[in-house]
Protein backbone atom coordinates (compact mmCIF):
# COMPACT_ATOMS: atom_id res chain seq x y z
CA UNK A 1 0.00 0.00 0.00
CA UNK A 2 1.04 3.59 -0.54
CA UNK A 3 2.91 5.23 2.32
CA UNK A 4 1.33 8.48 3.27
CA UNK A 5 1.66 8.81 7.05
CA UNK A 6 4.50 11.33 6.94
CA UNK A 7 2.77 13.43 4.31
CA UNK A 8 -0.67 13.32 5.97
CA UNK A 9 0.35 13.66 9.62
CA UNK A 10 3.57 15.70 9.50
CA UNK A 11 4.31 17.56 6.27
CA UNK A 12 0.79 18.80 5.37
CA UNK A 13 -0.13 19.98 8.91
CA UNK A 14 3.23 21.73 9.35
CA UNK A 15 2.93 23.45 5.98
CA UNK A 16 -0.63 24.52 6.84
CA UNK A 17 0.60 25.99 10.13
CA UNK A 18 3.41 27.86 8.35
CA UNK A 19 0.88 29.37 5.94
CA UNK A 20 -1.34 30.31 8.90
CA UNK A 21 1.59 31.98 10.68
CA UNK A 22 2.36 33.88 7.47
CA UNK A 23 -1.25 35.12 7.45
CA UNK A 24 -2.10 33.34 4.20
CA UNK A 25 -5.58 32.16 3.36
CA UNK A 26 -6.36 28.92 1.54
CA UNK A 27 -5.10 29.06 -2.07
CA UNK A 28 -3.51 32.48 -1.50
CA UNK A 29 -0.12 32.72 -3.21
CA UNK A 30 3.06 33.28 -1.26
CA UNK A 31 4.66 36.65 -2.05
CA UNK A 32 8.12 36.50 -3.61
CA UNK A 33 9.73 38.26 -0.64
CA UNK A 34 8.27 35.79 1.92
CA UNK A 35 10.94 33.40 3.17
CA UNK A 36 10.78 30.84 5.98
CA UNK A 37 13.65 29.03 7.67
CA UNK A 38 12.34 25.81 9.20
CA UNK A 39 14.51 24.29 11.92
CA UNK A 40 14.49 20.50 11.63
CA UNK A 41 15.51 18.27 14.56
CA UNK A 42 17.35 15.64 12.56
CA UNK A 43 20.52 14.36 14.19
CA UNK A 44 23.82 13.52 12.52
CA UNK A 45 23.17 9.77 12.65
CA UNK A 46 20.08 10.33 10.50
CA UNK A 47 21.82 12.48 7.90
CA UNK A 48 20.20 10.42 5.13
CA UNK A 49 16.90 12.13 6.08
CA UNK A 50 18.20 15.60 5.23
CA UNK A 51 16.43 16.95 2.19
CA UNK A 52 15.54 20.38 0.82
CA UNK A 53 11.99 21.54 1.38
CA UNK A 54 9.70 21.03 -1.60
CA UNK A 55 8.21 24.49 -1.13
CA UNK A 56 10.48 27.16 -2.66
CA UNK A 57 9.80 29.73 0.08
CA UNK A 58 10.88 27.37 2.89
CA UNK A 59 14.53 26.55 3.60
CA UNK A 60 15.11 23.63 5.96
CA UNK A 61 17.85 24.20 8.56
CA UNK A 62 19.48 21.23 10.35
CA UNK A 63 21.41 22.53 13.39
CA UNK A 64 21.88 19.14 15.08
CA UNK A 65 23.38 17.57 11.95
CA UNK A 66 25.45 20.72 11.32
CA UNK A 67 26.93 20.38 14.82
CA UNK A 68 27.45 16.63 14.20
CA UNK A 69 25.22 15.85 17.18
CA UNK A 70 24.01 12.26 17.28
CA UNK A 71 20.84 11.09 19.00
CA UNK A 72 22.90 9.95 21.99
CA UNK A 73 24.43 13.46 22.25
CA UNK A 74 20.93 14.97 22.19
CA UNK A 75 19.72 12.58 24.90
CA UNK A 76 22.75 13.43 27.05
CA UNK A 77 22.09 17.15 26.59
CA UNK A 78 18.41 16.70 27.52
CA UNK A 79 19.32 14.73 30.64
CA UNK A 80 22.07 17.17 31.70
CA UNK A 81 19.63 20.08 31.35
CA UNK A 82 16.79 18.48 33.31
CA UNK A 83 14.52 17.53 30.39
CA UNK A 84 12.72 14.19 30.05
CA UNK A 85 13.82 11.70 27.39
CA UNK A 86 12.00 12.67 24.19
CA UNK A 87 10.09 9.99 22.27
CA UNK A 88 11.00 8.97 18.74
CA UNK A 89 8.74 10.30 16.04
CA UNK A 90 7.66 6.97 14.55
CA UNK A 91 4.00 6.06 14.98
CA UNK A 92 3.30 3.19 17.37
CA UNK A 93 1.43 1.32 14.63
CA UNK A 94 4.04 1.78 11.88
CA UNK A 95 4.36 -1.47 9.87
CA UNK A 96 8.08 -0.78 9.36
CA UNK A 97 9.03 -1.42 13.01
CA UNK A 98 11.63 -4.02 13.91
CA UNK A 99 10.76 -6.69 16.49
CA UNK A 100 12.81 -4.71 19.01
CA UNK A 101 10.58 -1.66 18.49
CA UNK A 102 7.42 -3.82 18.71
CA UNK A 103 8.73 -5.20 22.05
CA UNK A 104 9.25 -1.63 23.31
CA UNK A 105 5.68 -0.71 22.36
CA UNK A 106 4.35 -3.90 23.96
CA UNK A 107 5.75 -2.74 27.33
CA UNK A 108 3.06 -0.04 27.38
CA UNK A 109 -0.12 -2.06 27.90
CA UNK A 110 -2.48 0.69 26.68
CA UNK A 111 -0.46 1.37 23.51
CA UNK A 112 -0.12 -2.35 22.78
CA UNK A 113 -3.90 -2.83 23.10
CA UNK A 114 -4.42 0.01 20.58
CA UNK A 115 -1.92 -1.58 18.18
CA UNK A 116 -3.58 -5.01 18.46
CA UNK A 117 -7.03 -3.47 17.92
CA UNK A 118 -5.86 -1.52 14.85
CA UNK A 119 -4.19 -4.66 13.47
CA UNK A 120 -7.52 -6.48 13.78
CA UNK A 121 -9.48 -3.61 12.19
CA UNK A 122 -7.28 -3.46 9.07
CA UNK A 123 -7.51 -7.22 8.43
CA UNK A 124 -10.27 -6.89 5.86
CA UNK A 125 -8.39 -4.37 3.73
CA UNK A 126 -9.80 -1.21 2.23
CA UNK A 127 -12.11 -0.26 -0.64
CA UNK A 128 -9.18 -0.25 -3.06
CA UNK A 129 -7.24 -3.15 -1.55
CA UNK A 130 -9.07 -6.37 -0.71
CA UNK A 131 -5.94 -8.22 0.46
CA UNK A 132 -5.66 -9.07 4.13
CA UNK A 133 -3.56 -6.40 5.83
CA UNK A 134 -1.23 -6.84 8.81
CA UNK A 135 1.00 -4.49 10.78
CA UNK A 136 3.86 -6.99 11.08
CA UNK A 137 5.94 -8.09 8.10
CA UNK A 138 5.32 -11.77 8.93
CA UNK A 139 1.70 -11.19 7.81
CA UNK A 140 0.16 -12.67 10.93
CA UNK A 141 -1.79 -10.90 13.69
CA UNK A 142 0.58 -8.75 15.74
CA UNK A 143 -0.44 -10.40 19.01
CA UNK A 144 0.61 -13.81 17.57
CA UNK A 145 4.08 -12.74 16.34
CA UNK A 146 7.14 -14.12 18.11
CA UNK A 147 8.87 -10.82 18.87
CA UNK A 148 11.75 -12.45 20.72
CA UNK A 149 13.81 -13.25 17.59
CA UNK A 150 16.99 -11.13 18.01
CA UNK A 151 17.99 -11.45 14.31
CA UNK A 152 15.17 -9.02 13.51
CA UNK A 153 16.28 -6.38 16.03
CA UNK A 154 18.11 -4.38 13.37
CA UNK A 155 15.85 -2.67 10.86
CA UNK A 156 17.03 -3.10 7.27
CA UNK A 157 16.71 0.41 5.84
CA UNK A 158 17.10 -0.82 2.27
CA UNK A 159 14.18 -3.26 2.52
CA UNK A 160 12.05 -2.12 5.45
CA UNK A 161 12.97 1.54 5.66
CA UNK A 162 10.99 4.61 4.95
CA UNK A 163 11.18 5.44 1.26
CA UNK A 164 11.24 9.19 1.83
CA UNK A 165 13.35 8.96 4.99
CA UNK A 166 11.07 11.29 6.93
CA UNK A 167 9.11 8.88 9.11
CA UNK A 168 11.61 8.68 11.97
CA UNK A 169 11.78 4.92 11.75
Foldseek 3Di string as FASTA:
>chain_A
DDDCCCVVPPVVVVVVVVCVVVVHDPPDDDDPPQAEEAEDADALVLCVLDDADPDPRYGYDYVRNVVNHDLVNVQVVCVVVVHDRDDFQADLLALLAFLVSVVVQVVPVVSNVVNLVVQVVCQCPDPVDRHGDGSYPVSDRPVPDDSPPVVRNDGDCVPRNDPNSPNRD
